[in-house]
N, C-alpha and C. Protein backbone atom coordinates (compact mmCIF):
# COMPACT_ATOMS: atom_id res chain seq x y z
N MET A 1 111.95 -11.60 -20.14
CA MET A 1 111.57 -12.85 -20.82
C MET A 1 112.66 -13.26 -21.80
N VAL A 2 113.05 -14.51 -21.78
CA VAL A 2 114.09 -15.01 -22.66
C VAL A 2 113.45 -15.76 -23.82
N VAL A 3 113.82 -15.36 -25.03
CA VAL A 3 113.27 -16.00 -26.22
C VAL A 3 114.41 -16.66 -26.99
N ALA A 4 114.30 -17.93 -27.26
CA ALA A 4 115.33 -18.66 -28.01
C ALA A 4 114.95 -18.67 -29.48
N ASP A 5 115.88 -18.22 -30.35
CA ASP A 5 115.55 -18.23 -31.77
C ASP A 5 115.66 -19.66 -32.31
N THR A 6 115.18 -19.86 -33.54
CA THR A 6 115.11 -21.21 -34.09
C THR A 6 116.47 -21.82 -34.30
N GLN A 7 117.48 -21.00 -34.61
CA GLN A 7 118.82 -21.54 -34.81
C GLN A 7 119.34 -22.15 -33.52
N VAL A 8 119.11 -21.46 -32.41
CA VAL A 8 119.55 -21.97 -31.13
C VAL A 8 118.81 -23.25 -30.79
N SER A 9 117.50 -23.24 -30.94
CA SER A 9 116.69 -24.40 -30.59
C SER A 9 117.04 -25.60 -31.45
N ALA A 10 117.54 -25.35 -32.66
CA ALA A 10 117.84 -26.44 -33.59
C ALA A 10 119.23 -27.02 -33.40
N SER A 11 119.93 -26.64 -32.35
CA SER A 11 121.27 -27.15 -32.11
C SER A 11 121.30 -28.67 -32.12
N ALA A 12 122.15 -29.25 -32.97
CA ALA A 12 122.27 -30.70 -33.05
C ALA A 12 122.77 -31.29 -31.73
N VAL A 13 123.69 -30.57 -31.07
CA VAL A 13 124.23 -31.06 -29.81
C VAL A 13 123.17 -31.04 -28.72
N ASN A 14 122.48 -29.92 -28.57
CA ASN A 14 121.44 -29.82 -27.55
C ASN A 14 120.32 -30.81 -27.78
N ASN A 15 119.96 -31.01 -29.04
CA ASN A 15 118.91 -31.98 -29.36
C ASN A 15 119.36 -33.40 -29.03
N TYR A 16 120.62 -33.70 -29.29
CA TYR A 16 121.17 -35.02 -28.96
C TYR A 16 121.12 -35.24 -27.44
N ILE A 17 121.50 -34.22 -26.69
CA ILE A 17 121.47 -34.31 -25.22
C ILE A 17 120.05 -34.60 -24.74
N ALA A 18 119.09 -33.87 -25.30
CA ALA A 18 117.69 -34.06 -24.89
C ALA A 18 117.15 -35.42 -25.30
N SER A 19 117.41 -35.82 -26.53
CA SER A 19 116.83 -37.07 -27.04
C SER A 19 117.46 -38.30 -26.41
N HIS A 20 118.69 -38.17 -25.91
CA HIS A 20 119.35 -39.29 -25.25
C HIS A 20 119.27 -39.21 -23.72
N ASN A 21 118.46 -38.26 -23.25
CA ASN A 21 118.24 -38.10 -21.81
C ASN A 21 119.55 -37.99 -21.03
N ILE A 22 120.50 -37.23 -21.59
CA ILE A 22 121.79 -37.04 -20.94
C ILE A 22 121.63 -36.04 -19.80
N THR A 23 122.06 -36.43 -18.62
CA THR A 23 121.98 -35.56 -17.45
C THR A 23 123.37 -35.37 -16.86
N ASN A 24 123.49 -34.35 -16.06
CA ASN A 24 124.78 -34.00 -15.47
C ASN A 24 125.21 -34.99 -14.39
N VAL A 25 126.52 -35.06 -14.19
CA VAL A 25 127.06 -35.80 -13.05
C VAL A 25 127.05 -34.86 -11.84
N SER A 26 127.26 -35.43 -10.67
CA SER A 26 127.32 -34.63 -9.44
C SER A 26 128.65 -33.89 -9.35
N ILE A 27 128.63 -32.77 -8.69
CA ILE A 27 129.86 -32.00 -8.46
C ILE A 27 130.68 -32.66 -7.36
N THR A 28 131.95 -32.89 -7.64
CA THR A 28 132.88 -33.42 -6.65
C THR A 28 133.75 -32.29 -6.14
N LYS A 29 133.79 -32.11 -4.83
CA LYS A 29 134.63 -31.06 -4.25
C LYS A 29 135.96 -31.67 -3.79
N GLN A 30 137.03 -31.18 -4.39
CA GLN A 30 138.38 -31.56 -4.00
C GLN A 30 139.19 -30.28 -3.83
N ILE A 31 138.75 -29.44 -2.89
CA ILE A 31 139.36 -28.14 -2.69
C ILE A 31 140.81 -28.31 -2.22
N TRP A 32 141.71 -27.66 -2.93
CA TRP A 32 143.13 -27.72 -2.59
C TRP A 32 143.52 -26.48 -1.79
N GLY A 33 144.16 -26.69 -0.66
CA GLY A 33 144.46 -25.58 0.22
C GLY A 33 145.58 -24.67 -0.24
N GLY A 34 146.27 -25.05 -1.31
CA GLY A 34 147.41 -24.25 -1.77
C GLY A 34 147.06 -23.04 -2.59
N PHE A 35 145.83 -22.95 -3.06
CA PHE A 35 145.46 -21.78 -3.87
C PHE A 35 145.32 -20.54 -2.98
N PRO A 36 145.74 -19.38 -3.49
CA PRO A 36 145.56 -18.14 -2.73
C PRO A 36 144.09 -17.77 -2.62
N LYS A 37 143.75 -17.00 -1.62
CA LYS A 37 142.37 -16.58 -1.40
C LYS A 37 142.28 -15.06 -1.41
N TYR A 38 141.84 -14.54 -2.54
CA TYR A 38 141.62 -13.10 -2.69
C TYR A 38 140.15 -12.87 -2.98
N LYS A 39 139.60 -11.82 -2.40
CA LYS A 39 138.19 -11.52 -2.58
C LYS A 39 137.91 -10.98 -3.99
N TYR A 40 136.68 -11.20 -4.46
CA TYR A 40 136.23 -10.55 -5.68
C TYR A 40 136.14 -9.04 -5.44
N ARG A 41 135.95 -8.29 -6.50
CA ARG A 41 135.96 -6.83 -6.35
C ARG A 41 134.83 -6.33 -5.45
N HIS A 42 133.74 -7.11 -5.36
CA HIS A 42 132.64 -6.72 -4.48
C HIS A 42 132.65 -7.48 -3.17
N GLY A 43 133.68 -8.32 -2.96
CA GLY A 43 133.80 -9.00 -1.69
C GLY A 43 133.77 -10.52 -1.80
N LYS A 44 134.05 -11.16 -0.71
CA LYS A 44 134.03 -12.63 -0.64
C LYS A 44 132.63 -13.16 -0.98
N GLY A 45 132.60 -14.20 -1.80
CA GLY A 45 131.33 -14.81 -2.16
C GLY A 45 130.46 -13.97 -3.05
N LYS A 46 131.05 -13.02 -3.80
CA LYS A 46 130.26 -12.14 -4.65
C LYS A 46 130.78 -12.09 -6.09
N PRO A 47 130.85 -13.25 -6.74
CA PRO A 47 131.19 -13.22 -8.17
C PRO A 47 130.04 -12.62 -8.97
N GLU A 48 130.36 -12.19 -10.18
CA GLU A 48 129.36 -11.53 -11.03
C GLU A 48 128.96 -12.37 -12.24
N GLY A 49 129.51 -13.57 -12.34
CA GLY A 49 129.18 -14.42 -13.47
C GLY A 49 130.13 -15.59 -13.57
N VAL A 50 130.07 -16.27 -14.71
CA VAL A 50 130.85 -17.49 -14.95
C VAL A 50 131.57 -17.36 -16.29
N VAL A 51 132.85 -17.76 -16.31
CA VAL A 51 133.62 -17.81 -17.56
C VAL A 51 133.85 -19.27 -17.96
N VAL A 52 133.54 -19.56 -19.22
CA VAL A 52 133.69 -20.89 -19.79
C VAL A 52 135.01 -20.97 -20.55
N HIS A 53 135.87 -21.93 -20.19
CA HIS A 53 137.15 -22.15 -20.85
C HIS A 53 137.21 -23.56 -21.43
N GLU A 54 138.23 -23.82 -22.24
CA GLU A 54 138.67 -25.18 -22.54
C GLU A 54 140.19 -25.16 -22.57
N THR A 55 140.79 -26.32 -22.29
CA THR A 55 142.21 -26.36 -21.98
C THR A 55 143.14 -26.13 -23.16
N GLY A 56 142.67 -26.41 -24.39
CA GLY A 56 143.53 -26.26 -25.54
C GLY A 56 144.54 -27.40 -25.69
N ASN A 57 144.39 -28.45 -24.91
CA ASN A 57 145.30 -29.60 -24.95
C ASN A 57 144.50 -30.83 -25.37
N SER A 58 144.82 -31.38 -26.52
CA SER A 58 144.02 -32.50 -27.05
C SER A 58 144.43 -33.85 -26.47
N ASN A 59 145.50 -33.89 -25.68
CA ASN A 59 146.01 -35.18 -25.21
C ASN A 59 145.95 -35.37 -23.70
N SER A 60 145.38 -34.42 -22.97
CA SER A 60 145.41 -34.50 -21.51
C SER A 60 144.11 -35.04 -20.95
N THR A 61 144.18 -35.55 -19.72
CA THR A 61 142.99 -35.96 -18.99
C THR A 61 142.67 -34.90 -17.94
N ILE A 62 141.50 -35.02 -17.34
CA ILE A 62 141.12 -34.06 -16.31
C ILE A 62 142.07 -34.12 -15.12
N PHE A 63 142.58 -35.30 -14.82
CA PHE A 63 143.49 -35.44 -13.68
C PHE A 63 144.87 -34.87 -14.00
N ASP A 64 145.30 -35.02 -15.27
CA ASP A 64 146.55 -34.39 -15.71
C ASP A 64 146.45 -32.87 -15.56
N GLU A 65 145.32 -32.32 -15.99
CA GLU A 65 145.15 -30.87 -15.97
C GLU A 65 145.13 -30.33 -14.53
N ILE A 66 144.45 -31.03 -13.65
CA ILE A 66 144.38 -30.59 -12.26
C ILE A 66 145.77 -30.64 -11.62
N ALA A 67 146.51 -31.71 -11.86
CA ALA A 67 147.86 -31.83 -11.30
C ALA A 67 148.77 -30.73 -11.83
N TYR A 68 148.65 -30.44 -13.12
CA TYR A 68 149.48 -29.38 -13.72
C TYR A 68 149.14 -28.02 -13.12
N MET A 69 147.86 -27.78 -12.93
CA MET A 69 147.45 -26.47 -12.42
C MET A 69 147.92 -26.25 -10.99
N LYS A 70 147.89 -27.28 -10.19
CA LYS A 70 148.37 -27.15 -8.81
C LYS A 70 149.85 -26.79 -8.78
N LYS A 71 150.60 -27.32 -9.73
CA LYS A 71 152.04 -27.05 -9.78
C LYS A 71 152.33 -25.66 -10.34
N ASN A 72 151.41 -25.14 -11.12
CA ASN A 72 151.66 -23.88 -11.84
C ASN A 72 150.64 -22.79 -11.52
N TYR A 73 150.03 -22.88 -10.35
CA TYR A 73 148.95 -21.95 -10.02
C TYR A 73 149.40 -20.50 -9.96
N ARG A 74 150.68 -20.27 -9.75
CA ARG A 74 151.15 -18.88 -9.69
C ARG A 74 150.99 -18.18 -11.03
N ASN A 75 150.94 -18.96 -12.11
CA ASN A 75 150.71 -18.41 -13.44
C ASN A 75 149.22 -18.30 -13.76
N ALA A 76 148.48 -19.33 -13.39
CA ALA A 76 147.03 -19.35 -13.66
C ALA A 76 146.39 -20.51 -12.94
N PHE A 77 145.13 -20.31 -12.55
CA PHE A 77 144.32 -21.42 -12.04
C PHE A 77 142.85 -21.06 -12.16
N VAL A 78 142.01 -22.10 -12.22
CA VAL A 78 140.56 -21.90 -12.29
C VAL A 78 139.92 -22.65 -11.13
N HIS A 79 138.63 -22.46 -10.98
CA HIS A 79 137.93 -23.08 -9.85
C HIS A 79 137.62 -24.56 -10.06
N THR A 80 137.32 -24.93 -11.30
CA THR A 80 136.72 -26.24 -11.54
C THR A 80 137.14 -26.79 -12.90
N PHE A 81 137.25 -28.12 -12.98
CA PHE A 81 137.52 -28.81 -14.24
C PHE A 81 136.36 -29.74 -14.56
N ILE A 82 136.06 -29.83 -15.87
CA ILE A 82 134.91 -30.62 -16.32
C ILE A 82 135.30 -31.48 -17.51
N ASP A 83 134.85 -32.74 -17.50
CA ASP A 83 134.90 -33.58 -18.68
C ASP A 83 133.57 -34.31 -18.80
N ASP A 84 133.54 -35.45 -19.48
CA ASP A 84 132.26 -36.14 -19.68
C ASP A 84 131.78 -36.86 -18.43
N ASP A 85 132.70 -37.19 -17.53
CA ASP A 85 132.35 -37.98 -16.34
C ASP A 85 132.54 -37.26 -15.02
N HIS A 86 133.07 -36.04 -15.06
CA HIS A 86 133.43 -35.36 -13.82
C HIS A 86 133.15 -33.86 -13.86
N ILE A 87 132.75 -33.35 -12.71
CA ILE A 87 132.78 -31.91 -12.43
C ILE A 87 133.56 -31.80 -11.13
N ILE A 88 134.82 -31.41 -11.21
CA ILE A 88 135.70 -31.42 -10.05
C ILE A 88 136.05 -29.99 -9.66
N ASN A 89 135.53 -29.58 -8.53
CA ASN A 89 135.76 -28.23 -7.99
C ASN A 89 137.01 -28.26 -7.11
N ILE A 90 138.07 -27.54 -7.53
CA ILE A 90 139.34 -27.61 -6.82
C ILE A 90 139.70 -26.33 -6.06
N ALA A 91 139.02 -25.24 -6.35
CA ALA A 91 139.28 -23.97 -5.66
C ALA A 91 137.96 -23.37 -5.18
N ASN A 92 137.97 -22.79 -4.01
CA ASN A 92 136.76 -22.22 -3.40
C ASN A 92 136.21 -21.10 -4.26
N THR A 93 134.97 -21.26 -4.72
CA THR A 93 134.38 -20.26 -5.62
C THR A 93 133.99 -18.97 -4.90
N ASP A 94 134.11 -18.94 -3.59
CA ASP A 94 133.88 -17.68 -2.86
C ASP A 94 135.02 -16.70 -3.05
N TYR A 95 136.15 -17.21 -3.58
CA TYR A 95 137.31 -16.36 -3.83
C TYR A 95 137.66 -16.41 -5.31
N LEU A 96 138.31 -15.35 -5.81
CA LEU A 96 138.63 -15.26 -7.23
C LEU A 96 139.73 -16.24 -7.63
N CYS A 97 139.83 -16.49 -8.92
CA CYS A 97 140.91 -17.30 -9.48
C CYS A 97 141.61 -16.48 -10.56
N TRP A 98 142.65 -17.05 -11.17
CA TRP A 98 143.45 -16.33 -12.16
C TRP A 98 143.34 -17.02 -13.50
N GLY A 99 142.30 -16.73 -14.26
CA GLY A 99 142.11 -17.41 -15.53
C GLY A 99 141.98 -16.52 -16.75
N VAL A 100 141.64 -15.24 -16.55
CA VAL A 100 141.41 -14.35 -17.70
C VAL A 100 142.14 -13.02 -17.59
N GLY A 101 142.98 -12.85 -16.57
CA GLY A 101 143.67 -11.58 -16.43
C GLY A 101 142.80 -10.50 -15.81
N TYR A 102 143.33 -9.29 -15.82
CA TYR A 102 142.60 -8.13 -15.28
C TYR A 102 141.72 -7.53 -16.35
N PRO A 103 140.49 -7.16 -16.06
CA PRO A 103 139.82 -7.12 -14.76
C PRO A 103 138.92 -8.33 -14.46
N GLY A 104 138.87 -9.30 -15.39
CA GLY A 104 137.91 -10.39 -15.27
C GLY A 104 138.13 -11.29 -14.06
N ASN A 105 139.40 -11.46 -13.66
CA ASN A 105 139.65 -12.35 -12.53
C ASN A 105 138.90 -11.94 -11.27
N ALA A 106 138.73 -10.66 -11.08
CA ALA A 106 138.07 -10.15 -9.88
C ALA A 106 136.55 -10.21 -9.96
N ARG A 107 136.03 -10.80 -11.03
CA ARG A 107 134.58 -10.78 -11.24
C ARG A 107 133.92 -12.16 -11.37
N PHE A 108 134.66 -13.17 -11.83
CA PHE A 108 133.98 -14.38 -12.30
C PHE A 108 134.48 -15.69 -11.70
N VAL A 109 133.55 -16.61 -11.49
CA VAL A 109 133.88 -18.02 -11.31
C VAL A 109 134.30 -18.54 -12.68
N GLN A 110 135.33 -19.40 -12.71
CA GLN A 110 135.85 -19.87 -13.99
C GLN A 110 136.07 -21.38 -13.96
N PHE A 111 135.77 -22.03 -15.08
CA PHE A 111 136.02 -23.47 -15.19
C PHE A 111 136.61 -23.83 -16.55
N GLU A 112 137.36 -24.94 -16.56
CA GLU A 112 137.98 -25.47 -17.77
C GLU A 112 137.30 -26.76 -18.20
N GLN A 113 137.18 -26.93 -19.52
CA GLN A 113 136.72 -28.19 -20.08
C GLN A 113 137.90 -28.89 -20.76
N VAL A 114 138.03 -30.18 -20.50
CA VAL A 114 139.04 -31.00 -21.14
C VAL A 114 138.52 -31.44 -22.50
N GLN A 115 139.39 -31.48 -23.50
CA GLN A 115 138.93 -31.83 -24.85
C GLN A 115 138.48 -33.29 -24.93
N MET A 116 137.32 -33.50 -25.55
CA MET A 116 136.72 -34.82 -25.71
C MET A 116 136.91 -35.32 -27.15
N HIS A 117 136.81 -36.66 -27.32
CA HIS A 117 137.14 -37.25 -28.61
C HIS A 117 136.10 -38.27 -29.09
N SER A 118 134.85 -38.04 -28.73
CA SER A 118 133.76 -38.84 -29.29
C SER A 118 132.47 -38.04 -29.20
N LYS A 119 131.48 -38.46 -29.96
CA LYS A 119 130.19 -37.78 -29.98
C LYS A 119 129.55 -37.78 -28.60
N SER A 120 129.49 -38.94 -27.98
CA SER A 120 128.85 -39.07 -26.68
C SER A 120 129.59 -38.30 -25.59
N SER A 121 130.91 -38.42 -25.58
CA SER A 121 131.67 -37.75 -24.51
C SER A 121 131.57 -36.23 -24.63
N PHE A 122 131.56 -35.71 -25.85
CA PHE A 122 131.41 -34.26 -26.02
C PHE A 122 130.04 -33.81 -25.53
N ALA A 123 129.00 -34.54 -25.88
CA ALA A 123 127.65 -34.18 -25.44
C ALA A 123 127.54 -34.22 -23.92
N HIS A 124 128.10 -35.24 -23.30
CA HIS A 124 128.07 -35.34 -21.84
C HIS A 124 128.85 -34.19 -21.19
N GLU A 125 129.98 -33.85 -21.78
CA GLU A 125 130.77 -32.75 -21.22
C GLU A 125 130.03 -31.42 -21.30
N VAL A 126 129.43 -31.16 -22.45
CA VAL A 126 128.71 -29.90 -22.64
C VAL A 126 127.53 -29.81 -21.66
N GLU A 127 126.84 -30.91 -21.45
CA GLU A 127 125.75 -30.90 -20.48
C GLU A 127 126.28 -30.64 -19.07
N ASN A 128 127.39 -31.26 -18.72
CA ASN A 128 127.99 -31.00 -17.40
C ASN A 128 128.38 -29.54 -17.25
N ALA A 129 128.95 -28.98 -18.31
CA ALA A 129 129.38 -27.58 -18.27
C ALA A 129 128.19 -26.64 -18.14
N ALA A 130 127.12 -26.92 -18.88
CA ALA A 130 125.93 -26.08 -18.80
C ALA A 130 125.29 -26.18 -17.42
N TYR A 131 125.25 -27.38 -16.88
CA TYR A 131 124.71 -27.55 -15.53
C TYR A 131 125.54 -26.78 -14.52
N TYR A 132 126.86 -26.91 -14.61
CA TYR A 132 127.71 -26.23 -13.63
C TYR A 132 127.56 -24.72 -13.72
N THR A 133 127.47 -24.20 -14.93
CA THR A 133 127.23 -22.77 -15.11
C THR A 133 125.94 -22.35 -14.44
N ALA A 134 124.88 -23.11 -14.69
CA ALA A 134 123.58 -22.82 -14.08
C ALA A 134 123.63 -22.96 -12.56
N TYR A 135 124.34 -23.95 -12.09
CA TYR A 135 124.49 -24.17 -10.64
C TYR A 135 125.15 -22.96 -9.97
N ILE A 136 126.22 -22.45 -10.57
CA ILE A 136 126.90 -21.29 -10.00
C ILE A 136 126.00 -20.06 -10.02
N LEU A 137 125.30 -19.85 -11.13
CA LEU A 137 124.37 -18.71 -11.19
C LEU A 137 123.33 -18.81 -10.09
N ASN A 138 122.78 -20.00 -9.93
CA ASN A 138 121.77 -20.21 -8.90
C ASN A 138 122.34 -20.03 -7.50
N LYS A 139 123.53 -20.57 -7.27
CA LYS A 139 124.17 -20.49 -5.95
C LYS A 139 124.39 -19.06 -5.51
N TYR A 140 124.80 -18.21 -6.45
CA TYR A 140 125.13 -16.83 -6.09
C TYR A 140 124.03 -15.83 -6.48
N ASN A 141 122.84 -16.35 -6.73
CA ASN A 141 121.67 -15.50 -7.02
C ASN A 141 121.91 -14.56 -8.21
N LEU A 142 122.48 -15.12 -9.26
CA LEU A 142 122.76 -14.36 -10.48
C LEU A 142 121.78 -14.81 -11.57
N LYS A 143 121.20 -13.87 -12.28
CA LYS A 143 120.28 -14.20 -13.35
C LYS A 143 121.05 -14.50 -14.63
N PRO A 144 120.63 -15.51 -15.40
CA PRO A 144 121.30 -15.79 -16.68
C PRO A 144 121.22 -14.59 -17.62
N ASN A 145 122.35 -14.26 -18.22
CA ASN A 145 122.41 -13.15 -19.17
C ASN A 145 123.64 -13.38 -20.04
N ASP A 146 123.44 -13.59 -21.33
CA ASP A 146 124.54 -13.86 -22.25
C ASP A 146 125.34 -12.59 -22.48
N ALA A 147 126.62 -12.62 -22.12
CA ALA A 147 127.46 -11.43 -22.20
C ALA A 147 128.07 -11.20 -23.58
N ALA A 148 127.84 -12.11 -24.51
CA ALA A 148 128.53 -12.04 -25.81
C ALA A 148 128.18 -10.79 -26.61
N TYR A 149 126.99 -10.27 -26.41
CA TYR A 149 126.51 -9.19 -27.28
C TYR A 149 127.05 -7.82 -26.88
N ASP A 150 127.02 -7.54 -25.58
CA ASP A 150 127.37 -6.19 -25.14
C ASP A 150 128.41 -6.16 -24.04
N GLY A 151 128.95 -7.32 -23.67
CA GLY A 151 129.94 -7.34 -22.61
C GLY A 151 129.36 -7.09 -21.24
N LYS A 152 128.05 -7.26 -21.13
CA LYS A 152 127.38 -7.10 -19.84
C LYS A 152 126.52 -8.33 -19.63
N GLY A 153 126.84 -9.11 -18.62
CA GLY A 153 126.06 -10.33 -18.41
C GLY A 153 126.72 -11.23 -17.39
N THR A 154 126.19 -12.44 -17.29
CA THR A 154 126.66 -13.38 -16.28
C THR A 154 127.26 -14.65 -16.88
N VAL A 155 127.05 -14.90 -18.17
CA VAL A 155 127.61 -16.08 -18.82
C VAL A 155 128.58 -15.62 -19.90
N TRP A 156 129.86 -15.95 -19.71
CA TRP A 156 130.93 -15.46 -20.57
C TRP A 156 131.75 -16.61 -21.12
N SER A 157 132.17 -16.50 -22.36
CA SER A 157 133.27 -17.31 -22.87
C SER A 157 134.56 -16.54 -22.59
N HIS A 158 135.69 -17.25 -22.61
CA HIS A 158 136.97 -16.54 -22.50
C HIS A 158 137.09 -15.55 -23.65
N ASN A 159 136.57 -15.93 -24.81
CA ASN A 159 136.57 -15.07 -25.98
C ASN A 159 135.85 -13.75 -25.71
N SER A 160 134.68 -13.82 -25.07
CA SER A 160 133.92 -12.60 -24.77
C SER A 160 134.65 -11.71 -23.77
N VAL A 161 135.30 -12.33 -22.79
CA VAL A 161 136.07 -11.55 -21.83
C VAL A 161 137.18 -10.79 -22.54
N ALA A 162 137.91 -11.49 -23.42
CA ALA A 162 139.00 -10.85 -24.15
C ALA A 162 138.48 -9.71 -25.03
N LYS A 163 137.34 -9.93 -25.65
CA LYS A 163 136.77 -8.93 -26.57
C LYS A 163 136.25 -7.70 -25.84
N HIS A 164 135.55 -7.90 -24.74
CA HIS A 164 134.86 -6.79 -24.08
C HIS A 164 135.60 -6.20 -22.89
N LEU A 165 136.41 -7.01 -22.21
CA LEU A 165 137.09 -6.53 -21.01
C LEU A 165 138.59 -6.44 -21.15
N GLY A 166 139.16 -7.16 -22.11
CA GLY A 166 140.61 -7.18 -22.27
C GLY A 166 141.26 -8.10 -21.25
N GLY A 167 142.57 -7.95 -21.12
CA GLY A 167 143.33 -8.75 -20.17
C GLY A 167 143.79 -10.08 -20.73
N SER A 168 143.37 -10.40 -21.95
CA SER A 168 143.70 -11.69 -22.56
C SER A 168 143.38 -11.62 -24.05
N ASP A 169 144.02 -12.50 -24.81
CA ASP A 169 143.70 -12.58 -26.24
C ASP A 169 143.16 -13.96 -26.60
N HIS A 170 142.75 -14.75 -25.61
CA HIS A 170 142.26 -16.10 -25.86
C HIS A 170 140.84 -16.08 -26.42
N THR A 171 140.51 -17.11 -27.19
CA THR A 171 139.20 -17.16 -27.83
C THR A 171 138.39 -18.41 -27.45
N ASP A 172 138.91 -19.19 -26.50
CA ASP A 172 138.20 -20.42 -26.12
C ASP A 172 136.88 -20.10 -25.41
N PRO A 173 135.92 -21.03 -25.45
CA PRO A 173 135.97 -22.35 -26.08
C PRO A 173 135.42 -22.36 -27.50
N VAL A 174 135.38 -21.20 -28.16
CA VAL A 174 134.69 -21.07 -29.44
C VAL A 174 135.19 -22.07 -30.47
N GLY A 175 136.51 -22.13 -30.66
CA GLY A 175 137.07 -23.02 -31.67
C GLY A 175 136.86 -24.48 -31.34
N TYR A 176 137.02 -24.83 -30.07
CA TYR A 176 136.82 -26.22 -29.63
C TYR A 176 135.39 -26.66 -29.84
N TYR A 177 134.44 -25.83 -29.46
CA TYR A 177 133.02 -26.15 -29.65
C TYR A 177 132.70 -26.35 -31.13
N SER A 178 133.15 -25.43 -31.95
CA SER A 178 132.84 -25.48 -33.38
C SER A 178 133.49 -26.69 -34.04
N ARG A 179 134.76 -26.88 -33.79
CA ARG A 179 135.53 -27.96 -34.42
C ARG A 179 135.02 -29.34 -34.02
N THR A 180 134.80 -29.54 -32.73
CA THR A 180 134.39 -30.85 -32.24
C THR A 180 132.97 -31.19 -32.68
N SER A 181 132.10 -30.18 -32.64
CA SER A 181 130.72 -30.42 -33.06
C SER A 181 130.63 -30.72 -34.55
N LYS A 182 131.42 -30.01 -35.35
CA LYS A 182 131.41 -30.28 -36.79
C LYS A 182 131.88 -31.71 -37.07
N LYS A 183 132.86 -32.16 -36.30
CA LYS A 183 133.41 -33.51 -36.50
C LYS A 183 132.39 -34.59 -36.19
N TYR A 184 131.66 -34.42 -35.08
CA TYR A 184 130.78 -35.50 -34.62
C TYR A 184 129.30 -35.27 -34.91
N PHE A 185 128.91 -33.99 -35.10
CA PHE A 185 127.49 -33.68 -35.32
C PHE A 185 127.24 -33.01 -36.67
N HIS A 186 128.31 -32.70 -37.40
CA HIS A 186 128.23 -32.11 -38.74
C HIS A 186 127.65 -30.70 -38.75
N HIS A 187 127.59 -30.09 -37.58
CA HIS A 187 127.19 -28.68 -37.46
C HIS A 187 128.04 -28.07 -36.35
N LYS A 188 128.35 -26.80 -36.48
CA LYS A 188 129.15 -26.17 -35.43
C LYS A 188 128.28 -25.90 -34.21
N TYR A 189 128.91 -25.94 -33.05
CA TYR A 189 128.24 -25.61 -31.80
C TYR A 189 128.74 -24.24 -31.36
N THR A 190 127.83 -23.39 -30.94
CA THR A 190 128.17 -22.01 -30.63
C THR A 190 127.91 -21.69 -29.16
N MET A 191 128.48 -20.60 -28.69
CA MET A 191 128.21 -20.17 -27.33
C MET A 191 126.74 -19.77 -27.15
N LYS A 192 126.12 -19.31 -28.23
CA LYS A 192 124.70 -18.99 -28.15
C LYS A 192 123.89 -20.25 -27.86
N GLN A 193 124.25 -21.34 -28.51
CA GLN A 193 123.57 -22.61 -28.28
C GLN A 193 123.88 -23.16 -26.89
N PHE A 194 125.12 -22.98 -26.46
CA PHE A 194 125.48 -23.39 -25.10
C PHE A 194 124.67 -22.59 -24.07
N TYR A 195 124.51 -21.31 -24.31
CA TYR A 195 123.74 -20.47 -23.40
C TYR A 195 122.30 -20.98 -23.29
N HIS A 196 121.74 -21.42 -24.39
CA HIS A 196 120.39 -21.98 -24.37
C HIS A 196 120.33 -23.22 -23.47
N LEU A 197 121.39 -24.03 -23.51
CA LEU A 197 121.46 -25.21 -22.66
C LEU A 197 121.62 -24.82 -21.19
N VAL A 198 122.36 -23.74 -20.95
CA VAL A 198 122.46 -23.21 -19.58
C VAL A 198 121.08 -22.81 -19.07
N LEU A 199 120.32 -22.13 -19.90
CA LEU A 199 118.97 -21.72 -19.50
C LEU A 199 118.10 -22.92 -19.13
N THR A 200 118.18 -23.97 -19.93
CA THR A 200 117.42 -25.18 -19.65
C THR A 200 117.78 -25.73 -18.27
N ASN A 201 119.06 -25.81 -17.99
CA ASN A 201 119.51 -26.30 -16.69
C ASN A 201 119.14 -25.36 -15.56
N TYR A 202 119.23 -24.08 -15.80
CA TYR A 202 118.88 -23.09 -14.78
C TYR A 202 117.42 -23.19 -14.39
N HIS A 203 116.56 -23.32 -15.36
CA HIS A 203 115.13 -23.41 -15.09
C HIS A 203 114.81 -24.71 -14.36
N ASN A 204 115.57 -25.76 -14.65
CA ASN A 204 115.36 -27.02 -13.94
C ASN A 204 115.79 -26.93 -12.48
N LEU A 205 116.71 -26.03 -12.18
CA LEU A 205 117.16 -25.84 -10.80
C LEU A 205 116.20 -24.97 -10.02
N SER A 206 115.47 -24.12 -10.71
CA SER A 206 114.61 -23.14 -10.05
C SER A 206 113.39 -23.81 -9.42
């Protein structure tokens, strides 16, 4: 049984999403054939969870990011990019991507969020991200489980991967969520609150 504490339920961002009836956009598949195809550690089509990223670039668009990643995939790539108006899946989620280093790459579906610059666009992006996380969990028969506490679970921030599994020193999307939410909602947004939004979307899919 999942119990949401009052702090999570009181999220200004999640409440804004609910009160404005913000819903996710449809997933667009634009699979690029140039990405390598390596199986997860348990085999093709067997990811163990989802990693939430953000790009760290305040001036780029989702199309800029996708074009850049295709050119530089040998260094890193993720499965999907998300902003306020798009969920664009560019790499087959049945195969691993290179977004968090070893050992996380062999375990997780990963997506990037492009930085937003308004109250509405941030709320729409977060809803899209929560929906996509829930969609992947549902697709691969994975139960929602916040990995932040013990490093065991199905919903991960890049920060949690770095903390519990190593392979990276990145902390996204923690700073982006907190900074952007404080600017537009006057309260920080946390991965715990995002996880609550994932649960809402997951239950709606069930």
